[in-house]
């Protein structure tokens, strides 16, 4: 719900910037453009950056880091895996009792 509100607000700000530019109100165009871009890009980045937890083990060559934590959003136990070649991290949901 919040994502929808923020994207809608960002798009409305970008449309408002176009309308303001059309009427020659150049004083508000930068604020609307920057604000709209921040709202829209922030939501898209957050969606890409914070992915859902995986339940399948990573590819061979990945190493368990020994890090475990409880995901505050799902209350699931999460184990961190690391790819030494690319530096990418993989967050694996640990099954109950695992």
N, C-alpha and C. Protein backbone atom coordinates (compact mmCIF):
# COMPACT_ATOMS: atom_id res chain seq x y z
N UNK A 1 0.82 -1.19 0.00
CA UNK A 1 0.00 0.00 0.00
C UNK A 1 0.87 1.26 0.00
N UNK A 2 1.89 1.28 0.87
CA UNK A 2 2.76 2.46 0.94
C UNK A 2 3.52 2.65 -0.37
N UNK A 3 3.97 1.53 -0.98
CA UNK A 3 4.67 1.64 -2.26
C UNK A 3 3.79 2.31 -3.31
N UNK A 4 2.54 1.89 -3.35
CA UNK A 4 1.60 2.46 -4.33
C UNK A 4 1.42 3.95 -4.10
N UNK A 5 1.29 4.35 -2.85
CA UNK A 5 1.12 5.76 -2.53
C UNK A 5 2.36 6.55 -2.94
N UNK A 6 3.54 6.04 -2.64
CA UNK A 6 4.77 6.76 -2.97
C UNK A 6 5.00 6.84 -4.47
N UNK A 7 4.74 5.76 -5.20
CA UNK A 7 4.89 5.82 -6.65
C UNK A 7 3.88 6.78 -7.25
N UNK A 8 2.64 6.74 -6.77
CA UNK A 8 1.61 7.67 -7.25
C UNK A 8 2.02 9.11 -6.98
N UNK A 9 2.52 9.38 -5.78
CA UNK A 9 2.97 10.72 -5.44
C UNK A 9 4.12 11.16 -6.35
N UNK A 10 5.08 10.26 -6.58
CA UNK A 10 6.20 10.58 -7.45
C UNK A 10 5.76 10.88 -8.87
N UNK A 11 4.85 10.07 -9.40
CA UNK A 11 4.36 10.30 -10.77
C UNK A 11 3.57 11.60 -10.84
N UNK A 12 2.75 11.87 -9.84
CA UNK A 12 2.00 13.14 -9.83
C UNK A 12 2.94 14.35 -9.77
N UNK A 13 4.03 14.22 -9.02
CA UNK A 13 5.00 15.31 -8.96
C UNK A 13 5.68 15.51 -10.31
N UNK A 14 6.00 14.42 -11.01
CA UNK A 14 6.61 14.54 -12.32
C UNK A 14 5.63 15.16 -13.33
N UNK A 15 4.37 14.77 -13.25
CA UNK A 15 3.35 15.38 -14.11
C UNK A 15 3.19 16.86 -13.76
N UNK A 16 3.19 17.16 -12.46
CA UNK A 16 3.10 18.56 -12.03
C UNK A 16 4.25 19.39 -12.55
N UNK A 17 5.45 18.80 -12.61
CA UNK A 17 6.61 19.51 -13.16
C UNK A 17 6.40 19.82 -14.63
N UNK A 18 5.84 18.87 -15.37
CA UNK A 18 5.58 19.10 -16.79
C UNK A 18 4.53 20.20 -16.98
N UNK A 19 3.47 20.17 -16.16
CA UNK A 19 2.42 21.19 -16.25
C UNK A 19 2.98 22.55 -15.88
N UNK A 20 3.78 22.61 -14.80
CA UNK A 20 4.37 23.88 -14.37
C UNK A 20 5.29 24.44 -15.45
N UNK A 21 6.04 23.56 -16.10
CA UNK A 21 6.92 24.02 -17.19
C UNK A 21 6.10 24.55 -18.35
N UNK A 22 4.97 23.91 -18.61
CA UNK A 22 4.09 24.37 -19.68
C UNK A 22 3.52 25.75 -19.43
N UNK A 23 3.28 26.07 -18.17
CA UNK A 23 2.75 27.39 -17.80
C UNK A 23 3.86 28.40 -17.52
N UNK A 24 5.11 27.97 -17.60
CA UNK A 24 6.22 28.89 -17.40
C UNK A 24 6.56 29.15 -15.94
N UNK A 25 6.08 28.30 -15.03
CA UNK A 25 6.39 28.45 -13.60
C UNK A 25 7.69 27.71 -13.30
N UNK A 26 8.79 28.25 -13.78
CA UNK A 26 10.08 27.57 -13.68
C UNK A 26 10.62 27.49 -12.26
N UNK A 27 10.09 28.24 -11.34
CA UNK A 27 10.58 28.21 -9.97
C UNK A 27 10.27 26.91 -9.24
N UNK A 28 9.17 26.24 -9.60
CA UNK A 28 8.79 25.00 -8.90
C UNK A 28 9.18 23.75 -9.66
N UNK A 29 9.60 23.90 -10.91
CA UNK A 29 9.92 22.72 -11.73
C UNK A 29 11.05 21.89 -11.13
N UNK A 30 12.18 22.48 -10.71
CA UNK A 30 13.25 21.64 -10.15
C UNK A 30 12.82 20.86 -8.91
N UNK A 31 12.06 21.52 -8.01
CA UNK A 31 11.62 20.82 -6.80
C UNK A 31 10.71 19.65 -7.14
N UNK A 32 9.80 19.86 -8.07
CA UNK A 32 8.89 18.78 -8.45
C UNK A 32 9.63 17.65 -9.17
N UNK A 33 10.55 18.01 -10.04
CA UNK A 33 11.32 16.98 -10.76
C UNK A 33 12.18 16.16 -9.80
N UNK A 34 12.90 16.85 -8.93
CA UNK A 34 13.79 16.14 -7.99
C UNK A 34 12.97 15.31 -7.01
N UNK A 35 11.92 15.90 -6.45
CA UNK A 35 11.08 15.15 -5.51
C UNK A 35 10.42 13.95 -6.14
N UNK A 36 9.86 14.13 -7.34
CA UNK A 36 9.23 13.02 -8.05
C UNK A 36 10.22 11.92 -8.39
N UNK A 37 11.41 12.32 -8.81
CA UNK A 37 12.44 11.33 -9.14
C UNK A 37 12.88 10.57 -7.90
N UNK A 38 13.02 11.26 -6.78
CA UNK A 38 13.44 10.59 -5.54
C UNK A 38 12.39 9.59 -5.07
N UNK A 39 11.12 10.00 -5.06
CA UNK A 39 10.06 9.07 -4.65
C UNK A 39 10.01 7.86 -5.56
N UNK A 40 9.98 8.08 -6.86
CA UNK A 40 9.85 6.98 -7.81
C UNK A 40 11.08 6.07 -7.79
N UNK A 41 12.27 6.66 -7.88
CA UNK A 41 13.49 5.86 -7.90
C UNK A 41 13.72 5.16 -6.57
N UNK A 42 13.38 5.81 -5.48
CA UNK A 42 13.55 5.18 -4.17
C UNK A 42 12.72 3.93 -4.00
N UNK A 43 11.50 3.97 -4.46
CA UNK A 43 10.62 2.79 -4.35
C UNK A 43 11.13 1.68 -5.26
N UNK A 44 11.54 2.03 -6.47
CA UNK A 44 12.05 1.02 -7.40
C UNK A 44 13.34 0.42 -6.85
N UNK A 45 14.23 1.26 -6.33
CA UNK A 45 15.50 0.75 -5.77
C UNK A 45 15.23 -0.15 -4.58
N UNK A 46 14.33 0.25 -3.71
CA UNK A 46 14.02 -0.55 -2.52
C UNK A 46 13.48 -1.91 -2.94
N UNK A 47 12.67 -1.94 -3.95
CA UNK A 47 12.09 -3.20 -4.43
C UNK A 47 13.18 -4.12 -4.98
N UNK A 48 14.16 -3.53 -5.69
CA UNK A 48 15.25 -4.31 -6.26
C UNK A 48 16.24 -4.74 -5.18
N UNK A 49 16.55 -3.85 -4.26
CA UNK A 49 17.60 -4.09 -3.27
C UNK A 49 17.20 -5.11 -2.21
N UNK A 50 16.00 -5.02 -1.72
CA UNK A 50 15.55 -5.89 -0.64
C UNK A 50 14.66 -6.97 -1.22
N UNK A 51 15.29 -8.05 -1.63
CA UNK A 51 14.57 -9.16 -2.25
C UNK A 51 14.01 -10.09 -1.19
N UNK A 52 13.09 -10.93 -1.61
CA UNK A 52 12.52 -11.93 -0.71
C UNK A 52 13.57 -12.98 -0.36
N UNK A 53 13.35 -13.66 0.74
CA UNK A 53 14.28 -14.70 1.16
C UNK A 53 14.15 -15.92 0.27
N UNK A 54 15.29 -16.55 -0.03
CA UNK A 54 15.29 -17.77 -0.83
C UNK A 54 15.12 -18.99 0.06
N UNK A 55 14.60 -20.05 -0.53
CA UNK A 55 14.46 -21.30 0.21
C UNK A 55 15.31 -22.40 -0.41
N UNK A 56 15.98 -22.11 -1.54
CA UNK A 56 16.84 -23.10 -2.19
C UNK A 56 18.30 -22.72 -1.95
N UNK A 57 19.14 -23.72 -1.82
CA UNK A 57 20.56 -23.47 -1.57
C UNK A 57 21.20 -22.82 -2.79
N UNK A 58 22.21 -21.98 -2.58
CA UNK A 58 22.89 -21.34 -3.70
C UNK A 58 23.71 -22.34 -4.51
N UNK A 59 24.24 -21.86 -5.60
CA UNK A 59 25.03 -22.70 -6.51
C UNK A 59 26.29 -23.23 -5.81
N UNK A 60 26.87 -24.31 -6.34
CA UNK A 60 28.14 -24.80 -5.78
C UNK A 60 29.21 -23.70 -5.85
N UNK A 61 30.08 -23.69 -4.87
CA UNK A 61 31.12 -22.67 -4.80
C UNK A 61 30.79 -21.58 -3.80
N UNK A 62 29.52 -21.47 -3.42
CA UNK A 62 29.13 -20.50 -2.40
C UNK A 62 29.53 -21.04 -1.04
N UNK A 63 29.83 -20.15 -0.11
CA UNK A 63 30.27 -20.54 1.23
C UNK A 63 29.34 -19.95 2.28
N UNK A 64 29.01 -20.77 3.27
CA UNK A 64 28.23 -20.26 4.40
C UNK A 64 29.14 -19.37 5.23
N UNK A 65 28.66 -18.19 5.62
CA UNK A 65 29.48 -17.26 6.40
C UNK A 65 29.38 -17.53 7.89
N UNK A 66 28.42 -18.31 8.30
CA UNK A 66 28.20 -18.53 9.73
C UNK A 66 27.28 -17.48 10.34
N UNK A 67 26.93 -16.48 9.55
CA UNK A 67 26.02 -15.44 10.04
C UNK A 67 24.59 -15.95 10.00
N UNK A 68 23.88 -15.74 11.08
CA UNK A 68 22.46 -16.06 11.14
C UNK A 68 21.76 -14.92 11.87
N UNK A 69 20.56 -14.61 11.43
CA UNK A 69 19.77 -13.57 12.10
C UNK A 69 18.30 -13.85 11.86
N UNK A 70 17.47 -13.22 12.66
CA UNK A 70 16.03 -13.33 12.50
C UNK A 70 15.57 -12.14 11.67
N UNK A 71 14.93 -12.46 10.53
CA UNK A 71 14.42 -11.41 9.66
C UNK A 71 13.27 -10.69 10.37
N UNK A 72 13.38 -9.38 10.57
CA UNK A 72 12.34 -8.67 11.32
C UNK A 72 10.99 -8.62 10.60
N UNK A 73 11.00 -8.78 9.29
CA UNK A 73 9.74 -8.70 8.54
C UNK A 73 8.96 -10.01 8.61
N UNK A 74 9.67 -11.16 8.56
CA UNK A 74 8.98 -12.45 8.51
C UNK A 74 9.17 -13.29 9.77
N UNK A 75 10.05 -12.85 10.67
CA UNK A 75 10.41 -13.62 11.88
C UNK A 75 11.02 -14.97 11.55
N UNK A 76 11.59 -15.10 10.36
CA UNK A 76 12.24 -16.35 9.95
C UNK A 76 13.73 -16.27 10.24
N UNK A 77 14.32 -17.42 10.57
CA UNK A 77 15.76 -17.50 10.77
C UNK A 77 16.42 -17.52 9.39
N UNK A 78 17.43 -16.67 9.20
CA UNK A 78 18.08 -16.51 7.90
C UNK A 78 19.56 -16.82 8.05
N UNK A 79 20.09 -17.56 7.07
CA UNK A 79 21.52 -17.87 7.03
C UNK A 79 22.12 -17.15 5.82
N UNK A 80 23.32 -16.60 5.99
CA UNK A 80 23.97 -15.82 4.94
C UNK A 80 25.01 -16.68 4.24
N UNK A 81 24.95 -16.70 2.90
CA UNK A 81 25.92 -17.39 2.06
C UNK A 81 26.65 -16.34 1.22
N UNK A 82 27.89 -16.66 0.83
CA UNK A 82 28.76 -15.69 0.17
C UNK A 82 29.44 -16.35 -1.03
N UNK A 83 29.48 -15.63 -2.16
CA UNK A 83 30.21 -16.09 -3.34
C UNK A 83 31.55 -15.36 -3.39
N UNK A 84 32.66 -16.05 -3.13
CA UNK A 84 33.95 -15.38 -3.09
C UNK A 84 34.39 -14.83 -4.45
N UNK A 85 33.82 -15.31 -5.53
CA UNK A 85 34.20 -14.84 -6.87
C UNK A 85 33.58 -13.47 -7.16
N UNK A 86 32.26 -13.34 -6.92
CA UNK A 86 31.57 -12.10 -7.27
C UNK A 86 31.36 -11.18 -6.06
N UNK A 87 31.45 -11.73 -4.85
CA UNK A 87 31.20 -10.93 -3.66
C UNK A 87 29.71 -10.84 -3.32
N UNK A 88 28.87 -11.50 -4.11
CA UNK A 88 27.43 -11.46 -3.88
C UNK A 88 27.05 -12.26 -2.63
N UNK A 89 26.01 -11.79 -1.95
CA UNK A 89 25.51 -12.48 -0.76
C UNK A 89 24.14 -13.07 -1.08
N UNK A 90 23.86 -14.21 -0.46
CA UNK A 90 22.61 -14.94 -0.67
C UNK A 90 22.00 -15.17 0.71
N UNK A 91 20.74 -14.80 0.87
CA UNK A 91 20.06 -14.94 2.16
C UNK A 91 19.09 -16.09 2.08
N UNK A 92 19.38 -17.14 2.84
CA UNK A 92 18.64 -18.38 2.79
C UNK A 92 17.80 -18.56 4.04
N UNK A 93 16.51 -18.76 3.85
CA UNK A 93 15.62 -19.04 4.99
C UNK A 93 15.94 -20.42 5.52
N UNK A 94 16.19 -20.51 6.82
CA UNK A 94 16.50 -21.79 7.46
C UNK A 94 15.17 -22.43 7.84
N UNK A 95 14.97 -23.69 7.43
CA UNK A 95 13.70 -24.34 7.78
C UNK A 95 13.58 -24.50 9.29
N UNK A 96 12.37 -24.53 9.83
CA UNK A 96 12.19 -24.68 11.28
C UNK A 96 12.89 -25.94 11.78
N UNK A 97 13.63 -25.79 12.87
CA UNK A 97 14.38 -26.90 13.44
C UNK A 97 15.71 -27.15 12.73
N UNK A 98 16.07 -26.26 11.78
CA UNK A 98 17.28 -26.48 10.98
C UNK A 98 18.47 -25.78 11.49
